[in-house]
C-alpha atoms as a PDB file:
ATOM      1  CA  UNK A   1     -49.511  64.926 -28.588  1.00  0.00           C
ATOM      2  CA  UNK A   2     -51.263  62.957 -31.289  1.00  0.00           C
ATOM      3  CA  UNK A   3     -55.014  63.704 -31.257  1.00  0.00           C
ATOM      4  CA  UNK A   4     -55.652  59.968 -31.719  1.00  0.00           C
ATOM      5  CA  UNK A   5     -54.239  59.398 -28.246  1.00  0.00           C
ATOM      6  CA  UNK A   6     -56.721  61.816 -26.689  1.00  0.00           C
ATOM      7  CA  UNK A   7     -59.571  60.247 -28.679  1.00  0.00           C
ATOM      8  CA  UNK A   8     -58.570  56.857 -27.272  1.00  0.00           C
ATOM      9  CA  UNK A   9     -58.361  58.299 -23.756  1.00  0.00           C
ATOM     10  CA  UNK A  10     -61.839  59.792 -24.154  1.00  0.00           C
ATOM     11  CA  UNK A  11     -63.198  56.410 -25.303  1.00  0.00           C
ATOM     12  CA  UNK A  12     -61.532  54.632 -22.377  1.00  0.00           C
ATOM     13  CA  UNK A  13     -62.926  57.132 -19.880  1.00  0.00           C
ATOM     14  CA  UNK A  14     -66.429  56.854 -21.360  1.00  0.00           C
ATOM     15  CA  UNK A  15     -66.256  53.052 -21.236  1.00  0.00           C
ATOM     16  CA  UNK A  16     -64.939  53.048 -17.656  1.00  0.00           C
ATOM     17  CA  UNK A  17     -67.647  55.530 -16.627  1.00  0.00           C
ATOM     18  CA  UNK A  18     -70.361  53.349 -18.172  1.00  0.00           C
ATOM     19  CA  UNK A  19     -69.093  50.206 -16.444  1.00  0.00           C
ATOM     20  CA  UNK A  20     -68.417  51.787 -13.057  1.00  0.00           C
ATOM     21  CA  UNK A  21     -70.455  50.778 -10.041  1.00  0.00           C
ATOM     22  CA  UNK A  22     -68.809  53.454  -7.884  1.00  0.00           C
ATOM     23  CA  UNK A  23     -69.847  57.020  -7.210  1.00  0.00           C
ATOM     24  CA  UNK A  24     -68.032  59.600  -9.370  1.00  0.00           C
ATOM     25  CA  UNK A  25     -65.941  60.667  -6.365  1.00  0.00           C
ATOM     26  CA  UNK A  26     -64.897  57.100  -5.567  1.00  0.00           C
ATOM     27  CA  UNK A  27     -64.194  56.352  -9.219  1.00  0.00           C
ATOM     28  CA  UNK A  28     -61.930  59.402  -9.448  1.00  0.00           C
ATOM     29  CA  UNK A  29     -59.945  58.282  -6.398  1.00  0.00           C
ATOM     30  CA  UNK A  30     -59.684  54.715  -7.660  1.00  0.00           C
ATOM     31  CA  UNK A  31     -58.353  55.894 -11.021  1.00  0.00           C
ATOM     32  CA  UNK A  32     -55.687  57.893  -9.239  1.00  0.00           C
ATOM     33  CA  UNK A  33     -54.788  54.899  -7.061  1.00  0.00           C
ATOM     34  CA  UNK A  34     -54.580  52.730 -10.176  1.00  0.00           C
ATOM     35  CA  UNK A  35     -51.396  54.643 -11.013  1.00  0.00           C
ATOM     36  CA  UNK A  36     -49.683  53.124  -7.976  1.00  0.00           C
ATOM     37  CA  UNK A  37     -50.667  49.657  -9.113  1.00  0.00           C
ATOM     38  CA  UNK A  38     -49.273  50.263 -12.593  1.00  0.00           C
ATOM     39  CA  UNK A  39     -46.012  51.723 -11.259  1.00  0.00           C
ATOM     40  CA  UNK A  40     -45.686  48.623  -9.084  1.00  0.00           C
ATOM     41  CA  UNK A  41     -45.997  46.495 -12.209  1.00  0.00           C
ATOM     42  CA  UNK A  42     -43.109  48.460 -13.760  1.00  0.00           C
ATOM     43  CA  UNK A  43     -41.047  47.665 -10.669  1.00  0.00           C
ATOM     44  CA  UNK A  44     -41.956  43.985 -10.857  1.00  0.00           C
ATOM     45  CA  UNK A  45     -40.997  43.889 -14.536  1.00  0.00           C
ATOM     46  CA  UNK A  46     -37.630  45.559 -13.836  1.00  0.00           C
ATOM     47  CA  UNK A  47     -36.934  43.070 -11.045  1.00  0.00           C
ATOM     48  CA  UNK A  48     -37.933  40.263 -13.413  1.00  0.00           C
ATOM     49  CA  UNK A  49     -35.819  41.616 -16.274  1.00  0.00           C
ATOM     50  CA  UNK A  50     -32.740  41.872 -14.083  1.00  0.00           C
ATOM     51  CA  UNK A  51     -33.294  38.561 -12.314  1.00  0.00           C
ATOM     52  CA  UNK A  52     -33.097  40.220  -8.908  1.00  0.00           C
ATOM     53  CA  UNK A  53     -35.222  37.550  -7.250  1.00  0.00           C
ATOM     54  CA  UNK A  54     -32.932  34.495  -7.001  1.00  0.00           C
ATOM     55  CA  UNK A  55     -35.887  32.217  -6.410  1.00  0.00           C
ATOM     56  CA  UNK A  56     -37.508  33.231  -9.711  1.00  0.00           C
ATOM     57  CA  UNK A  57     -34.580  34.334 -11.871  1.00  0.00           C
ATOM     58  CA  UNK A  58     -35.263  36.271 -15.075  1.00  0.00           C
ATOM     59  CA  UNK A  59     -39.032  36.372 -15.582  1.00  0.00           C
ATOM     60  CA  UNK A  60     -39.485  39.475 -17.754  1.00  0.00           C
ATOM     61  CA  UNK A  61     -37.833  41.214 -20.685  1.00  0.00           C
ATOM     62  CA  UNK A  62     -37.005  44.867 -21.177  1.00  0.00           C
ATOM     63  CA  UNK A  63     -39.833  44.877 -23.706  1.00  0.00           C
ATOM     64  CA  UNK A  64     -42.143  43.906 -20.821  1.00  0.00           C
ATOM     65  CA  UNK A  65     -40.810  46.937 -18.919  1.00  0.00           C
ATOM     66  CA  UNK A  66     -41.586  49.159 -21.918  1.00  0.00           C
ATOM     67  CA  UNK A  67     -45.149  47.814 -22.049  1.00  0.00           C
ATOM     68  CA  UNK A  68     -45.641  48.404 -18.331  1.00  0.00           C
ATOM     69  CA  UNK A  69     -44.368  51.969 -18.710  1.00  0.00           C
ATOM     70  CA  UNK A  70     -46.936  52.519 -21.472  1.00  0.00           C
ATOM     71  CA  UNK A  71     -49.623  51.238 -19.101  1.00  0.00           C
ATOM     72  CA  UNK A  72     -48.504  53.877 -16.573  1.00  0.00           C
ATOM     73  CA  UNK A  73     -48.822  56.581 -19.233  1.00  0.00           C
ATOM     74  CA  UNK A  74     -52.279  55.390 -20.318  1.00  0.00           C
ATOM     75  CA  UNK A  75     -53.450  55.199 -16.723  1.00  0.00           C
ATOM     76  CA  UNK A  76     -52.129  58.687 -15.978  1.00  0.00           C
ATOM     77  CA  UNK A  77     -53.870  60.144 -19.033  1.00  0.00           C
ATOM     78  CA  UNK A  78     -57.144  58.455 -18.060  1.00  0.00           C
ATOM     79  CA  UNK A  79     -56.782  59.812 -14.520  1.00  0.00           C
ATOM     80  CA  UNK A  80     -56.039  63.306 -15.840  1.00  0.00           C
ATOM     81  CA  UNK A  81     -59.035  63.156 -18.194  1.00  0.00           C
ATOM     82  CA  UNK A  82     -61.184  61.988 -15.273  1.00  0.00           C
ATOM     83  CA  UNK A  83     -60.142  65.099 -13.325  1.00  0.00           C
ATOM     84  CA  UNK A  84     -60.715  67.567 -16.161  1.00  0.00           C
ATOM     85  CA  UNK A  85     -62.489  67.522 -19.507  1.00  0.00           C
ATOM     86  CA  UNK A  86     -59.669  69.732 -20.795  1.00  0.00           C
ATOM     87  CA  UNK A  87     -56.913  67.182 -20.152  1.00  0.00           C
ATOM     88  CA  UNK A  88     -55.158  67.771 -23.482  1.00  0.00           C
ATOM     89  CA  UNK A  89     -54.771  71.496 -22.739  1.00  0.00           C
ATOM     90  CA  UNK A  90     -53.568  70.836 -19.183  1.00  0.00           C
ATOM     91  CA  UNK A  91     -51.060  68.289 -20.471  1.00  0.00           C
ATOM     92  CA  UNK A  92     -49.816  70.580 -23.261  1.00  0.00           C
ATOM     93  CA  UNK A  93     -49.374  73.497 -20.853  1.00  0.00           C
ATOM     94  CA  UNK A  94     -47.494  71.337 -18.352  1.00  0.00           C
ATOM     95  CA  UNK A  95     -45.269  69.919 -21.090  1.00  0.00           C
ATOM     96  CA  UNK A  96     -44.445  73.458 -22.250  1.00  0.00           C
ATOM     97  CA  UNK A  97     -43.598  74.397 -18.651  1.00  0.00           C
ATOM     98  CA  UNK A  98     -41.285  71.400 -18.207  1.00  0.00           C
ATOM     99  CA  UNK A  99     -39.638  72.083 -21.581  1.00  0.00           C
ATOM    100  CA  UNK A 100     -39.067  75.686 -20.532  1.00  0.00           C
ATOM    101  CA  UNK A 101     -37.534  74.645 -17.202  1.00  0.00           C
ATOM    102  CA  UNK A 102     -35.359  72.080 -18.918  1.00  0.00           C
ATOM    103  CA  UNK A 103     -34.130  74.591 -21.493  1.00  0.00           C
ATOM    104  CA  UNK A 104     -33.376  77.130 -18.774  1.00  0.00           C
ATOM    105  CA  UNK A 105     -31.400  74.603 -16.736  1.00  0.00           C
ATOM    106  CA  UNK A 106     -29.355  73.670 -19.807  1.00  0.00           C
ATOM    107  CA  UNK A 107     -28.605  77.326 -20.505  1.00  0.00           C
ATOM    108  CA  UNK A 108     -30.612  77.431 -23.742  1.00  0.00           C
ATOM    109  CA  UNK A 109     -31.976  80.769 -24.894  1.00  0.00           C
ATOM    110  CA  UNK A 110     -35.523  79.831 -23.899  1.00  0.00           C
ATOM    111  CA  UNK A 111     -37.274  82.051 -21.350  1.00  0.00           C
ATOM    112  CA  UNK A 112     -36.943  80.899 -17.748  1.00  0.00           C
ATOM    113  CA  UNK A 113     -38.957  81.206 -14.550  1.00  0.00           C
ATOM    114  CA  UNK A 114     -39.162  84.710 -13.063  1.00  0.00           C
ATOM    115  CA  UNK A 115     -36.334  84.035 -10.600  1.00  0.00           C
ATOM    116  CA  UNK A 116     -34.409  81.864 -13.045  1.00  0.00           C
ATOM    117  CA  UNK A 117     -34.567  78.885 -10.698  1.00  0.00           C
ATOM    118  CA  UNK A 118     -36.584  75.702 -10.638  1.00  0.00           C
ATOM    119  CA  UNK A 119     -37.235  75.836  -6.917  1.00  0.00           C
ATOM    120  CA  UNK A 120     -39.655  72.918  -6.745  1.00  0.00           C
ATOM    121  CA  UNK A 121     -37.045  70.179  -6.556  1.00  0.00           C
ATOM    122  CA  UNK A 122     -38.574  68.092  -9.354  1.00  0.00           C
ATOM    123  CA  UNK A 123     -36.243  66.000 -11.476  1.00  0.00           C
ATOM    124  CA  UNK A 124     -36.012  66.921 -15.138  1.00  0.00           C
ATOM    125  CA  UNK A 125     -35.591  64.431 -17.948  1.00  0.00           C
ATOM    126  CA  UNK A 126     -31.998  63.781 -18.854  1.00  0.00           C
ATOM    127  CA  UNK A 127     -29.199  61.288 -18.735  1.00  0.00           C
ATOM    128  CA  UNK A 128     -27.777  62.352 -15.385  1.00  0.00           C
ATOM    129  CA  UNK A 129     -28.916  63.863 -12.137  1.00  0.00           C
ATOM    130  CA  UNK A 130     -26.704  65.254  -9.436  1.00  0.00           C
ATOM    131  CA  UNK A 131     -26.380  63.344  -6.200  1.00  0.00           C
ATOM    132  CA  UNK A 132     -27.643  65.839  -3.623  1.00  0.00           C
ATOM    133  CA  UNK A 133     -25.045  64.908  -1.026  1.00  0.00           C
ATOM    134  CA  UNK A 134     -21.914  64.853  -3.166  1.00  0.00           C
ATOM    135  CA  UNK A 135     -22.843  66.829  -6.297  1.00  0.00           C
ATOM    136  CA  UNK A 136     -21.527  63.965  -8.409  1.00  0.00           C
ATOM    137  CA  UNK A 137     -23.471  62.955 -11.481  1.00  0.00           C
ATOM    138  CA  UNK A 138     -25.110  59.552 -11.456  1.00  0.00           C
ATOM    139  CA  UNK A 139     -26.560  57.796 -14.472  1.00  0.00           C
ATOM    140  CA  UNK A 140     -30.331  57.438 -14.690  1.00  0.00           C
ATOM    141  CA  UNK A 141     -30.418  55.410 -17.875  1.00  0.00           C
ATOM    142  CA  UNK A 142     -31.635  51.816 -17.798  1.00  0.00           C
ATOM    143  CA  UNK A 143     -29.060  49.093 -18.339  1.00  0.00           C
ATOM    144  CA  UNK A 144     -28.891  47.743 -21.848  1.00  0.00           C
ATOM    145  CA  UNK A 145     -30.932  44.553 -22.028  1.00  0.00           C
END
Protein backbone atom coordinates (compact mmCIF):
# COMPACT_ATOMS: atom_id res chain seq x y z
CA UNK A 1 0.00 0.00 0.00
CA UNK A 2 1.17 3.49 -0.81
CA UNK A 3 3.18 4.93 2.10
CA UNK A 4 1.32 8.23 1.62
CA UNK A 5 -1.85 6.48 2.75
CA UNK A 6 -0.25 5.39 6.02
CA UNK A 7 1.18 8.88 6.55
CA UNK A 8 -2.34 10.28 6.14
CA UNK A 9 -3.73 7.67 8.53
CA UNK A 10 -1.07 8.59 11.09
CA UNK A 11 -1.97 12.29 10.76
CA UNK A 12 -5.68 11.53 11.13
CA UNK A 13 -5.08 9.40 14.22
CA UNK A 14 -2.87 12.08 15.79
CA UNK A 15 -5.49 14.76 15.09
CA UNK A 16 -8.32 12.60 16.45
CA UNK A 17 -6.25 11.79 19.55
CA UNK A 18 -5.56 15.49 20.16
CA UNK A 19 -9.23 16.43 19.81
CA UNK A 20 -10.64 13.52 21.80
CA UNK A 21 -12.38 14.13 25.10
CA UNK A 22 -12.70 10.39 25.76
CA UNK A 23 -10.39 8.03 27.58
CA UNK A 24 -8.08 6.03 25.28
CA UNK A 25 -10.18 2.90 25.88
CA UNK A 26 -13.43 4.66 25.02
CA UNK A 27 -11.87 6.32 21.98
CA UNK A 28 -10.68 2.94 20.69
CA UNK A 29 -14.18 1.47 21.03
CA UNK A 30 -15.80 4.49 19.39
CA UNK A 31 -13.43 4.27 16.42
CA UNK A 32 -14.37 0.64 15.97
CA UNK A 33 -18.08 1.49 16.21
CA UNK A 34 -17.59 4.25 13.64
CA UNK A 35 -17.12 1.47 11.08
CA UNK A 36 -20.76 0.45 11.54
CA UNK A 37 -21.87 4.00 10.92
CA UNK A 38 -19.83 4.22 7.72
CA UNK A 39 -21.08 0.86 6.44
CA UNK A 40 -24.62 2.09 7.09
CA UNK A 41 -23.88 5.11 4.91
CA UNK A 42 -22.80 2.74 2.10
CA UNK A 43 -26.15 0.97 2.46
CA UNK A 44 -28.04 4.26 2.37
CA UNK A 45 -26.15 5.31 -0.75
CA UNK A 46 -26.90 1.99 -2.49
CA UNK A 47 -30.59 2.32 -1.61
CA UNK A 48 -30.48 5.90 -2.91
CA UNK A 49 -28.65 4.93 -6.10
CA UNK A 50 -31.16 2.21 -6.89
CA UNK A 51 -34.21 4.23 -5.91
CA UNK A 52 -35.39 1.51 -3.54
CA UNK A 53 -37.30 3.95 -1.35
CA UNK A 54 -40.39 4.89 -3.41
CA UNK A 55 -41.03 7.92 -1.24
CA UNK A 56 -37.59 9.38 -2.02
CA UNK A 57 -36.70 7.87 -5.40
CA UNK A 58 -33.12 8.11 -6.65
CA UNK A 59 -31.17 10.25 -4.19
CA UNK A 60 -27.58 9.08 -4.73
CA UNK A 61 -25.26 8.10 -7.56
CA UNK A 62 -22.92 5.15 -7.86
CA UNK A 63 -20.13 7.69 -7.43
CA UNK A 64 -21.65 8.47 -4.01
CA UNK A 65 -21.45 4.74 -3.22
CA UNK A 66 -17.77 4.73 -4.22
CA UNK A 67 -17.09 7.68 -1.92
CA UNK A 68 -18.88 5.99 0.98
CA UNK A 69 -16.84 2.83 0.41
CA UNK A 70 -13.66 4.92 0.60
CA UNK A 71 -14.90 6.34 3.90
CA UNK A 72 -15.26 2.76 5.19
CA UNK A 73 -11.68 2.01 4.15
CA UNK A 74 -10.33 5.18 5.79
CA UNK A 75 -12.27 4.48 8.96
CA UNK A 76 -11.02 0.89 9.08
CA UNK A 77 -7.41 1.99 8.62
CA UNK A 78 -7.77 4.59 11.38
CA UNK A 79 -9.30 1.95 13.66
CA UNK A 80 -6.50 -0.50 12.86
CA UNK A 81 -3.86 2.17 13.50
CA UNK A 82 -5.59 3.00 16.79
CA UNK A 83 -5.25 -0.65 17.83
CA UNK A 84 -1.60 -1.02 16.83
CA UNK A 85 1.24 1.32 15.95
CA UNK A 86 2.34 -1.30 13.41
CA UNK A 87 -0.87 -1.14 11.36
CA UNK A 88 0.92 -1.17 7.99
CA UNK A 89 2.70 -4.43 8.84
CA UNK A 90 -0.50 -6.03 10.16
CA UNK A 91 -2.36 -4.96 7.03
CA UNK A 92 0.39 -6.19 4.68
CA UNK A 93 0.57 -9.57 6.44
CA UNK A 94 -3.21 -9.99 6.31
CA UNK A 95 -3.30 -9.02 2.64
CA UNK A 96 -0.60 -11.61 1.88
CA UNK A 97 -2.64 -14.22 3.77
CA UNK A 98 -5.83 -13.42 1.84
CA UNK A 99 -3.91 -13.43 -1.46
CA UNK A 100 -2.47 -16.83 -0.57
CA UNK A 101 -5.91 -18.23 0.29
CA UNK A 102 -7.38 -16.80 -2.88
CA UNK A 103 -4.61 -18.27 -5.03
CA UNK A 104 -5.01 -21.66 -3.37
CA UNK A 105 -8.77 -21.67 -3.93
CA UNK A 106 -8.26 -20.83 -7.61
CA UNK A 107 -5.75 -23.65 -7.98
CA UNK A 108 -2.78 -21.34 -8.60
CA UNK A 109 0.68 -22.61 -7.77
CA UNK A 110 0.90 -20.43 -4.66
CA UNK A 111 1.44 -22.17 -1.32
CA UNK A 112 -1.75 -22.96 0.58
CA UNK A 113 -2.76 -23.41 4.21
CA UNK A 114 -1.35 -26.50 5.94
CA UNK A 115 -4.53 -28.52 5.35
CA UNK A 116 -5.17 -26.94 1.96
CA UNK A 117 -8.54 -25.61 3.09
CA UNK A 118 -9.81 -22.20 4.06
CA UNK A 119 -11.83 -23.46 6.99
CA UNK A 120 -12.84 -20.08 8.38
CA UNK A 121 -15.81 -19.52 6.11
CA UNK A 122 -14.75 -16.02 5.05
CA UNK A 123 -15.71 -14.85 1.58
CA UNK A 124 -12.87 -14.17 -0.82
CA UNK A 125 -12.87 -11.41 -3.40
CA UNK A 126 -14.19 -12.48 -6.75
CA UNK A 127 -17.04 -12.18 -9.17
CA UNK A 128 -19.08 -15.09 -7.85
CA UNK A 129 -19.70 -16.92 -4.63
CA UNK A 130 -21.44 -20.23 -4.25
CA UNK A 131 -24.88 -20.30 -2.71
CA UNK A 132 -24.39 -22.53 0.34
CA UNK A 133 -27.72 -24.28 -0.04
CA UNK A 134 -27.68 -25.05 -3.76
CA UNK A 135 -24.02 -24.74 -4.78
CA UNK A 136 -25.07 -22.46 -7.62
CA UNK A 137 -22.96 -19.42 -8.37
CA UNK A 138 -24.51 -16.04 -7.73
CA UNK A 139 -23.12 -12.73 -8.94
CA UNK A 140 -21.66 -10.36 -6.37
CA UNK A 141 -20.91 -7.52 -8.73
CA UNK A 142 -22.79 -4.24 -8.41
CA UNK A 143 -25.27 -3.38 -11.13
CA UNK A 144 -23.98 -1.04 -13.78
CA UNK A 145 -25.09 2.49 -12.95
